Amino acid sequence: MPKVNIRAYATLGEILGSKNIDTSTTATTVKELIDIISVEYNPKFKERLIDQKTGETRKFYKILVNGRDIDFLDGLKTELKDGDTVAFFPPAGGG
């Protein structure tokens, strides 16, 4: 099974109980990884990240694989490889 480093920032890290998780996974895509994380750690993770009506990432949430925004790759179908780092960012606030 490939090893993946998961980094979840701010409220997403709080939902998972950790901001940095190294794990072996059967996930081959970002979508599968989100499904597995939600089952293993907290279902609220997927609820917060994915729009249930469209099945796409909610507006203003960002997912990066090895520092590259999945919006510029294959979206949630972006394939994962051994050693990848997947970072999840909630919307940023402030002014």
C-alpha atoms as a PDB file:
ATOM      1  CA  MET A   1       0.000   0.000   0.000  1.00  0.00           C
ATOM      2  CA  PRO A   2       1.306   3.458  -0.824  1.00  0.00           C
ATOM      3  CA  LYS A   3       2.239   5.771   2.022  1.00  0.00           C
ATOM      4  CA  VAL A   4       0.698   9.242   1.952  1.00  0.00           C
ATOM      5  CA  ASN A   5       1.282  12.257   4.186  1.00  0.00           C
ATOM      6  CA  ILE A   6      -1.949  14.089   5.000  1.00  0.00           C
ATOM      7  CA  ARG A   7      -1.785  17.686   6.162  1.00  0.00           C
ATOM      8  CA  ALA A   8      -5.041  19.211   7.352  1.00  0.00           C
ATOM      9  CA  TYR A   9      -4.954  22.883   8.283  1.00  0.00           C
ATOM     10  CA  ALA A  10      -6.996  24.929  10.765  1.00  0.00           C
ATOM     11  CA  THR A  11     -10.519  23.585  11.348  1.00  0.00           C
ATOM     12  CA  LEU A  12      -9.938  20.547   9.120  1.00  0.00           C
ATOM     13  CA  GLY A  13      -7.041  19.457  11.336  1.00  0.00           C
ATOM     14  CA  GLU A  14      -9.240  19.923  14.382  1.00  0.00           C
ATOM     15  CA  ILE A  15     -11.900  17.667  12.846  1.00  0.00           C
ATOM     16  CA  LEU A  16      -9.325  14.920  12.270  1.00  0.00           C
ATOM     17  CA  GLY A  17      -7.687  15.384  15.662  1.00  0.00           C
ATOM     18  CA  SER A  18      -4.312  15.931  13.988  1.00  0.00           C
ATOM     19  CA  LYS A  19      -2.849  18.339  11.476  1.00  0.00           C
ATOM     20  CA  ASN A  20      -0.291  15.849  10.143  1.00  0.00           C
ATOM     21  CA  ILE A  21      -1.005  12.170   9.487  1.00  0.00           C
ATOM     22  CA  ASP A  22       1.336   9.665   7.827  1.00  0.00           C
ATOM     23  CA  THR A  23      -0.653   6.663   6.651  1.00  0.00           C
ATOM     24  CA  SER A  24      -0.624   3.697   4.324  1.00  0.00           C
ATOM     25  CA  THR A  25      -3.724   3.699   2.176  1.00  0.00           C
ATOM     26  CA  THR A  26      -5.546   1.757  -0.505  1.00  0.00           C
ATOM     27  CA  ALA A  27      -6.728   5.072  -2.022  1.00  0.00           C
ATOM     28  CA  THR A  28      -5.650   5.659  -5.602  1.00  0.00           C
ATOM     29  CA  THR A  29      -7.290   9.081  -5.999  1.00  0.00           C
ATOM     30  CA  VAL A  30      -7.889  12.160  -3.860  1.00  0.00           C
ATOM     31  CA  LYS A  31     -11.621  11.354  -3.723  1.00  0.00           C
ATOM     32  CA  GLU A  32     -10.933   7.841  -2.411  1.00  0.00           C
ATOM     33  CA  LEU A  33      -8.526   9.290   0.166  1.00  0.00           C
ATOM     34  CA  ILE A  34     -11.198  11.699   1.428  1.00  0.00           C
ATOM     35  CA  ASP A  35     -13.669   8.796   1.718  1.00  0.00           C
ATOM     36  CA  ILE A  36     -11.169   6.689   3.681  1.00  0.00           C
ATOM     37  CA  ILE A  37     -10.148   9.570   5.957  1.00  0.00           C
ATOM     38  CA  SER A  38     -13.807  10.245   6.720  1.00  0.00           C
ATOM     39  CA  VAL A  39     -14.452   6.618   7.673  1.00  0.00           C
ATOM     40  CA  GLU A  40     -11.254   6.167   9.708  1.00  0.00           C
ATOM     41  CA  TYR A  41     -11.142   9.545  11.478  1.00  0.00           C
ATOM     42  CA  ASN A  42     -14.339  11.600  11.301  1.00  0.00           C
ATOM     43  CA  PRO A  43     -17.279  11.710   8.824  1.00  0.00           C
ATOM     44  CA  LYS A  44     -17.494  15.480   9.356  1.00  0.00           C
ATOM     45  CA  PHE A  45     -14.275  15.822   7.337  1.00  0.00           C
ATOM     46  CA  LYS A  46     -16.005  14.847   4.084  1.00  0.00           C
ATOM     47  CA  GLU A  47     -19.165  16.767   5.015  1.00  0.00           C
ATOM     48  CA  ARG A  48     -17.119  19.926   5.486  1.00  0.00           C
ATOM     49  CA  LEU A  49     -14.973  19.446   2.370  1.00  0.00           C
ATOM     50  CA  ILE A  50     -17.344  18.035  -0.271  1.00  0.00           C
ATOM     51  CA  ASP A  51     -20.626  19.570  -1.485  1.00  0.00           C
ATOM     52  CA  GLN A  52     -23.128  16.710  -1.177  1.00  0.00           C
ATOM     53  CA  LYS A  53     -25.245  18.020  -4.088  1.00  0.00           C
ATOM     54  CA  THR A  54     -22.444  18.327  -6.645  1.00  0.00           C
ATOM     55  CA  GLY A  55     -19.883  15.857  -5.285  1.00  0.00           C
ATOM     56  CA  GLU A  56     -17.203  18.492  -5.818  1.00  0.00           C
ATOM     57  CA  THR A  57     -14.974  20.360  -3.396  1.00  0.00           C
ATOM     58  CA  ARG A  58     -16.864  23.153  -1.635  1.00  0.00           C
ATOM     59  CA  LYS A  59     -16.143  26.688  -2.755  1.00  0.00           C
ATOM     60  CA  PHE A  60     -13.013  28.225  -1.210  1.00  0.00           C
ATOM     61  CA  TYR A  61     -11.646  24.893   0.100  1.00  0.00           C
ATOM     62  CA  LYS A  62      -8.311  23.933  -1.460  1.00  0.00           C
ATOM     63  CA  ILE A  63      -6.602  20.586  -1.884  1.00  0.00           C
ATOM     64  CA  LEU A  64      -2.982  20.329  -2.956  1.00  0.00           C
ATOM     65  CA  VAL A  65      -1.039  17.236  -3.968  1.00  0.00           C
ATOM     66  CA  ASN A  66       2.698  17.795  -3.611  1.00  0.00           C
ATOM     67  CA  GLY A  67       2.066  21.547  -3.589  1.00  0.00           C
ATOM     68  CA  ARG A  68      -0.053  21.561  -6.763  1.00  0.00           C
ATOM     69  CA  ASP A  69      -3.706  22.603  -6.649  1.00  0.00           C
ATOM     70  CA  ILE A  70      -5.882  19.695  -7.791  1.00  0.00           C
ATOM     71  CA  ASP A  71      -8.020  22.207  -9.720  1.00  0.00           C
ATOM     72  CA  PHE A  72      -5.113  22.303 -12.192  1.00  0.00           C
ATOM     73  CA  LEU A  73      -4.610  18.527 -12.177  1.00  0.00           C
ATOM     74  CA  ASP A  74      -7.522  16.060 -12.426  1.00  0.00           C
ATOM     75  CA  GLY A  75      -9.608  17.460  -9.569  1.00  0.00           C
ATOM     76  CA  LEU A  76     -10.829  14.815  -7.141  1.00  0.00           C
ATOM     77  CA  LYS A  77      -9.741  12.166  -9.676  1.00  0.00           C
ATOM     78  CA  THR A  78      -6.089  13.190  -9.227  1.00  0.00           C
ATOM     79  CA  GLU A  79      -4.104   9.984  -8.796  1.00  0.00           C
ATOM     80  CA  LEU A  80      -1.982   9.381  -5.722  1.00  0.00           C
ATOM     81  CA  LYS A  81       1.437   7.737  -5.599  1.00  0.00           C
ATOM     82  CA  ASP A  82       3.639   6.443  -2.814  1.00  0.00           C
ATOM     83  CA  GLY A  83       5.188   9.342  -0.891  1.00  0.00           C
ATOM     84  CA  ASP A  84       2.671  11.994  -1.961  1.00  0.00           C
ATOM     85  CA  THR A  85       1.717  14.807   0.390  1.00  0.00           C
ATOM     86  CA  VAL A  86      -1.936  15.833   0.287  1.00  0.00           C
ATOM     87  CA  ALA A  87      -2.804  19.140   1.970  1.00  0.00           C
ATOM     88  CA  PHE A  88      -6.335  20.254   2.813  1.00  0.00           C
ATOM     89  CA  PHE A  89      -7.065  23.948   3.413  1.00  0.00           C
ATOM     90  CA  PRO A  90     -10.341  25.474   4.648  1.00  0.00           C
ATOM     91  CA  PRO A  91     -11.390  28.942   3.487  1.00  0.00           C
ATOM     92  CA  ALA A  92      -9.201  31.710   4.854  1.00  0.00           C
ATOM     93  CA  GLY A  93     -10.835  34.569   6.708  1.00  0.00           C
ATOM     94  CA  GLY A  94      -9.654  37.951   7.731  1.00  0.00           C
ATOM     95  CA  GLY A  95      -9.328  41.327   6.265  1.00  0.00           C
END
